[in-house]
Amino acid sequence: MNQAGRHASRDAFFGAFEHQLALLGDAPHSFRALLHLTLLEQLAATRFPGEPNGSRFSSFVREFAAWPDADRVSLQQIQASNRSSQCPRLAAEVDRRLKGWERGAIIWRGSEIDPFAGELATVQEAMPAHAKAATGLIDRCRYVSLLWKLRNFRAHEGRSPDCEFPFEQPPEPYYSLRGFPDADYRLTIPDALVEVLALRAAANLRAWFETEDRDPYDSFPDRKCWVD
């Protein structure tokens, strides 16, 4: 295909996404959130064809969504995970940090309290098995990994794992207080943030294809067989 043909393909491909987004204005809130996550996933497949779904989703968001908090790690999610028992020193460090949260605050912004992965990576476990478990748990609790988990909840259960509250949400991941006696905070990734990430990533991906002068449809080869 010549340069003019590749340009026309890019216009058709990204124009189709823009048309889909324009149709979402009147869609139910939860349905709209799922479609924005699906848009991110489809764009990830365009940039990283053939790679596993979850890893290419995370790689794509890191590269194209311009999300400064993508590699922050949720302390609350580490503490809540059963896997934390497999990495005792990381668990102790997370417990220490969480004790500094001021009880009674309704909302904590994630950017105020959650560290980047590199900060927690300095925690040295005593045993190799614990170190491996700690590395895996930190990766699972990065914001970008949790965004993929949110996609799975939305797609398979039609819900978010949290329960949204009727107050103004900050435009970033945040924690809201559920119970005063034990300072039970829960993580929320706002749907409005997902929409921003999807729109930003789509624009940046289109610019990448323009710079590389590539046809996005090349990422999706014709498949005669569905099962191989």
Protein backbone atom coordinates (compact mmCIF):
# COMPACT_ATOMS: atom_id res chain seq x y z
CA MET A 1 0.00 0.00 0.00
CA ASN A 2 1.34 3.45 -0.87
CA GLN A 3 1.61 6.41 1.49
CA ALA A 4 -1.74 7.88 0.44
CA GLY A 5 -3.43 4.53 1.05
CA ARG A 6 -1.91 4.20 4.52
CA HIS A 7 -3.05 7.73 5.35
CA ALA A 8 -6.60 6.85 4.26
CA SER A 9 -6.49 3.71 6.39
CA ARG A 10 -5.47 5.70 9.44
CA ASP A 11 -8.30 8.17 8.84
CA ALA A 12 -10.79 5.32 8.56
CA PHE A 13 -9.50 3.44 11.59
CA PHE A 14 -9.32 6.32 14.05
CA GLY A 15 -12.40 7.98 12.57
CA ALA A 16 -14.36 4.86 13.48
CA PHE A 17 -13.25 5.17 17.09
CA GLU A 18 -14.16 8.85 17.18
CA HIS A 19 -17.61 7.96 15.84
CA GLN A 20 -18.08 5.32 18.55
CA LEU A 21 -17.07 7.80 21.25
CA ALA A 22 -19.53 10.36 19.91
CA LEU A 23 -22.34 7.82 20.37
CA LEU A 24 -21.54 7.31 24.07
CA GLY A 25 -22.85 10.64 25.30
CA ASP A 26 -26.32 9.34 26.18
CA ALA A 27 -25.28 5.80 27.16
CA PRO A 28 -25.75 4.61 30.76
CA HIS A 29 -22.86 5.53 33.02
CA SER A 30 -21.60 1.98 33.66
CA PHE A 31 -21.88 1.01 29.99
CA ARG A 32 -19.95 4.09 28.95
CA ALA A 33 -17.14 3.23 31.38
CA LEU A 34 -16.84 -0.30 29.99
CA LEU A 35 -16.65 0.96 26.42
CA HIS A 36 -13.89 3.41 27.28
CA LEU A 37 -11.91 0.54 28.80
CA THR A 38 -12.65 -1.56 25.71
CA LEU A 39 -11.39 1.27 23.54
CA LEU A 40 -8.10 1.25 25.45
CA GLU A 41 -7.85 -2.50 25.01
CA GLN A 42 -8.49 -2.35 21.27
CA LEU A 43 -5.94 0.40 20.83
CA ALA A 44 -3.44 -1.68 22.79
CA ALA A 45 -4.00 -4.56 20.37
CA THR A 46 -3.32 -2.19 17.49
CA ARG A 47 0.02 -1.08 18.92
CA PHE A 48 1.15 -4.44 20.32
CA PRO A 49 -0.47 -7.16 18.18
CA GLY A 50 0.13 -10.72 19.31
CA GLU A 51 1.11 -9.89 22.90
CA PRO A 52 -0.95 -11.16 25.89
CA ASN A 53 -3.97 -9.00 26.65
CA GLY A 54 -3.07 -7.78 30.12
CA SER A 55 0.58 -7.01 29.44
CA ARG A 56 -0.09 -5.14 26.20
CA PHE A 57 -2.86 -3.14 27.90
CA SER A 58 -0.43 -2.02 30.62
CA SER A 59 2.36 -1.30 28.14
CA PHE A 60 0.02 0.73 25.96
CA VAL A 61 -1.33 2.85 28.81
CA ARG A 62 2.22 3.56 30.00
CA GLU A 63 3.38 4.59 26.53
CA PHE A 64 0.40 6.51 25.18
CA ALA A 65 -1.98 7.62 27.94
CA ALA A 66 0.45 10.13 29.50
CA TRP A 67 -0.74 9.09 32.96
CA PRO A 68 1.84 10.31 35.51
CA ASP A 69 0.48 8.01 38.23
CA ALA A 70 0.50 4.80 36.18
CA ASP A 71 3.29 3.24 38.22
CA ARG A 72 2.12 4.33 41.65
CA VAL A 73 1.34 1.36 43.87
CA SER A 74 -1.79 1.07 46.01
CA LEU A 75 -0.71 0.48 49.62
CA GLN A 76 -4.28 -0.42 50.53
CA GLN A 77 -4.43 -3.10 47.84
CA ILE A 78 -1.14 -4.66 48.99
CA GLN A 79 -2.39 -4.77 52.57
CA ALA A 80 -5.73 -6.25 51.52
CA SER A 81 -4.16 -8.95 49.35
CA ASN A 82 -3.72 -12.49 50.68
CA ARG A 83 -0.39 -12.50 48.83
CA SER A 84 1.07 -10.03 51.34
CA SER A 85 1.68 -12.90 53.78
CA GLN A 86 4.25 -14.25 51.30
CA CYS A 87 6.43 -11.11 51.54
CA PRO A 88 6.62 -10.18 55.26
CA ARG A 89 9.03 -7.26 55.01
CA LEU A 90 7.03 -5.54 52.28
CA ALA A 91 3.85 -6.14 54.30
CA ALA A 92 5.48 -4.59 57.39
CA GLU A 93 6.58 -1.53 55.41
CA VAL A 94 3.09 -1.10 53.97
CA ASP A 95 1.53 -1.43 57.42
CA ARG A 96 3.93 1.20 58.74
CA ARG A 97 3.01 3.63 55.98
CA LEU A 98 -0.73 3.05 56.33
CA LYS A 99 -0.63 3.79 60.07
CA GLY A 100 0.24 7.33 59.08
CA TRP A 101 -3.15 7.88 57.45
CA GLU A 102 -5.21 10.34 59.43
CA ARG A 103 -8.43 8.67 60.49
CA GLY A 104 -11.56 10.62 59.81
CA ALA A 105 -10.53 12.00 56.43
CA ILE A 106 -13.29 11.25 53.92
CA ILE A 107 -11.00 11.07 50.89
CA TRP A 108 -7.32 10.46 50.34
CA ARG A 109 -6.02 11.20 46.87
CA GLY A 110 -3.76 8.43 45.66
CA SER A 111 -1.08 10.92 44.63
CA GLU A 112 -0.91 12.13 48.24
CA ILE A 113 -0.22 8.78 49.84
CA ASP A 114 0.73 6.03 47.38
CA PRO A 115 4.42 5.66 46.43
CA PHE A 116 5.84 4.77 43.05
CA ALA A 117 6.92 1.19 42.55
CA GLY A 118 10.60 2.07 42.76
CA GLU A 119 10.21 3.25 46.36
CA LEU A 120 8.79 -0.08 47.51
CA ALA A 121 11.31 -2.04 45.45
CA THR A 122 13.98 -0.92 47.94
CA VAL A 123 12.45 -3.15 50.62
CA GLN A 124 14.75 -6.15 50.89
CA GLU A 125 13.13 -9.48 51.71
CA ALA A 126 15.20 -12.05 53.62
CA MET A 127 14.45 -15.03 51.35
CA PRO A 128 14.46 -15.29 47.53
CA ALA A 129 10.91 -16.68 47.49
CA HIS A 130 9.70 -13.69 49.52
CA ALA A 131 11.55 -11.29 47.21
CA LYS A 132 9.88 -12.84 44.16
CA ALA A 133 6.46 -12.63 45.83
CA ALA A 134 7.06 -8.99 46.76
CA THR A 135 8.04 -8.07 43.18
CA GLY A 136 4.93 -9.76 41.85
CA LEU A 137 2.61 -8.14 44.37
CA ILE A 138 4.02 -4.67 43.74
CA ASP A 139 3.44 -5.15 40.02
CA ARG A 140 -0.12 -6.40 40.56
CA CYS A 141 -0.93 -3.34 42.68
CA ARG A 142 0.42 -0.68 40.31
CA TYR A 143 -2.35 1.67 39.21
CA VAL A 144 -1.91 0.57 35.60
CA SER A 145 -2.37 -3.08 36.65
CA LEU A 146 -5.42 -2.19 38.72
CA LEU A 147 -6.88 -0.41 35.70
CA TRP A 148 -6.71 -3.75 33.86
CA LYS A 149 -8.42 -5.45 36.82
CA LEU A 150 -11.13 -2.77 36.65
CA ARG A 151 -11.58 -3.60 32.96
CA ASN A 152 -12.13 -7.26 33.87
CA PHE A 153 -14.68 -6.47 36.57
CA ARG A 154 -16.57 -4.18 34.20
CA ALA A 155 -16.52 -6.70 31.35
CA HIS A 156 -17.33 -9.87 33.29
CA GLU A 157 -19.48 -8.64 36.18
CA GLY A 158 -20.85 -5.34 34.90
CA ARG A 159 -19.55 -3.46 37.91
CA SER A 160 -16.58 -1.86 39.58
CA PRO A 161 -15.13 -3.65 42.64
CA ASP A 162 -15.75 -0.47 44.64
CA CYS A 163 -19.01 1.34 45.31
CA GLU A 164 -19.12 4.89 44.07
CA PHE A 165 -20.14 7.64 46.46
CA PRO A 166 -22.37 10.67 45.86
CA PHE A 167 -19.68 13.29 46.38
CA GLU A 168 -17.46 15.10 43.92
CA GLN A 169 -14.70 12.73 42.86
CA PRO A 170 -11.12 13.91 42.38
CA PRO A 171 -9.84 13.29 38.83
CA GLU A 172 -7.41 10.57 39.96
CA PRO A 173 -7.47 7.30 41.93
CA TYR A 174 -8.59 7.97 45.50
CA TYR A 175 -9.56 6.23 48.75
CA SER A 176 -12.82 6.79 50.60
CA LEU A 177 -13.52 5.92 54.20
CA ARG A 178 -16.01 3.09 54.74
CA GLY A 179 -15.80 2.59 58.50
CA PHE A 180 -14.42 4.76 61.31
CA PRO A 181 -13.52 2.12 63.93
CA ASP A 182 -10.87 0.40 61.81
CA ALA A 183 -10.17 3.14 59.22
CA ASP A 184 -11.48 0.96 56.38
CA TYR A 185 -10.46 2.86 53.23
CA ARG A 186 -11.36 1.57 49.74
CA LEU A 187 -9.79 2.36 46.37
CA THR A 188 -11.72 3.94 43.49
CA ILE A 189 -10.50 4.60 39.95
CA PRO A 190 -13.00 7.19 38.66
CA ASP A 191 -14.73 6.51 35.36
CA ALA A 192 -13.98 10.10 34.35
CA LEU A 193 -10.27 9.31 34.55
CA VAL A 194 -10.71 6.24 32.33
CA GLU A 195 -12.38 8.41 29.71
CA VAL A 196 -9.53 10.94 29.80
CA LEU A 197 -6.93 8.17 29.46
CA ALA A 198 -8.79 6.59 26.52
CA LEU A 199 -9.14 9.85 24.59
CA ARG A 200 -5.56 10.90 25.25
CA ALA A 201 -4.18 7.48 24.31
CA ALA A 202 -6.18 7.37 21.07
CA ALA A 203 -4.85 10.77 20.00
CA ASN A 204 -1.27 9.85 20.87
CA LEU A 205 -1.50 6.49 19.12
CA ARG A 206 -2.80 8.12 15.95
CA ALA A 207 0.14 10.53 16.05
CA TRP A 208 2.51 7.55 16.43
CA PHE A 209 1.05 5.80 13.38
CA GLU A 210 1.35 9.04 11.42
CA THR A 211 5.00 9.45 12.42
CA GLU A 212 5.79 5.82 11.58
CA ASP A 213 3.66 6.01 8.40
CA ARG A 214 2.05 2.66 9.21
CA ASP A 215 -1.38 1.18 8.55
CA PRO A 216 -3.21 0.26 11.80
CA TYR A 217 -5.15 -2.47 10.00
CA ASP A 218 -1.89 -4.38 9.58
CA SER A 219 -2.19 -5.25 13.28
CA PHE A 220 -5.27 -7.36 12.56
CA PRO A 221 -4.48 -10.07 9.98
CA ASP A 222 -7.29 -11.98 8.28
CA ARG A 223 -8.01 -15.21 10.20
CA LYS A 224 -9.62 -18.15 8.47
CA CYS A 225 -9.37 -20.30 11.63
CA TRP A 226 -10.76 -19.08 14.95
CA VAL A 227 -9.22 -21.71 17.20
CA ASP A 228 -5.47 -21.79 16.32
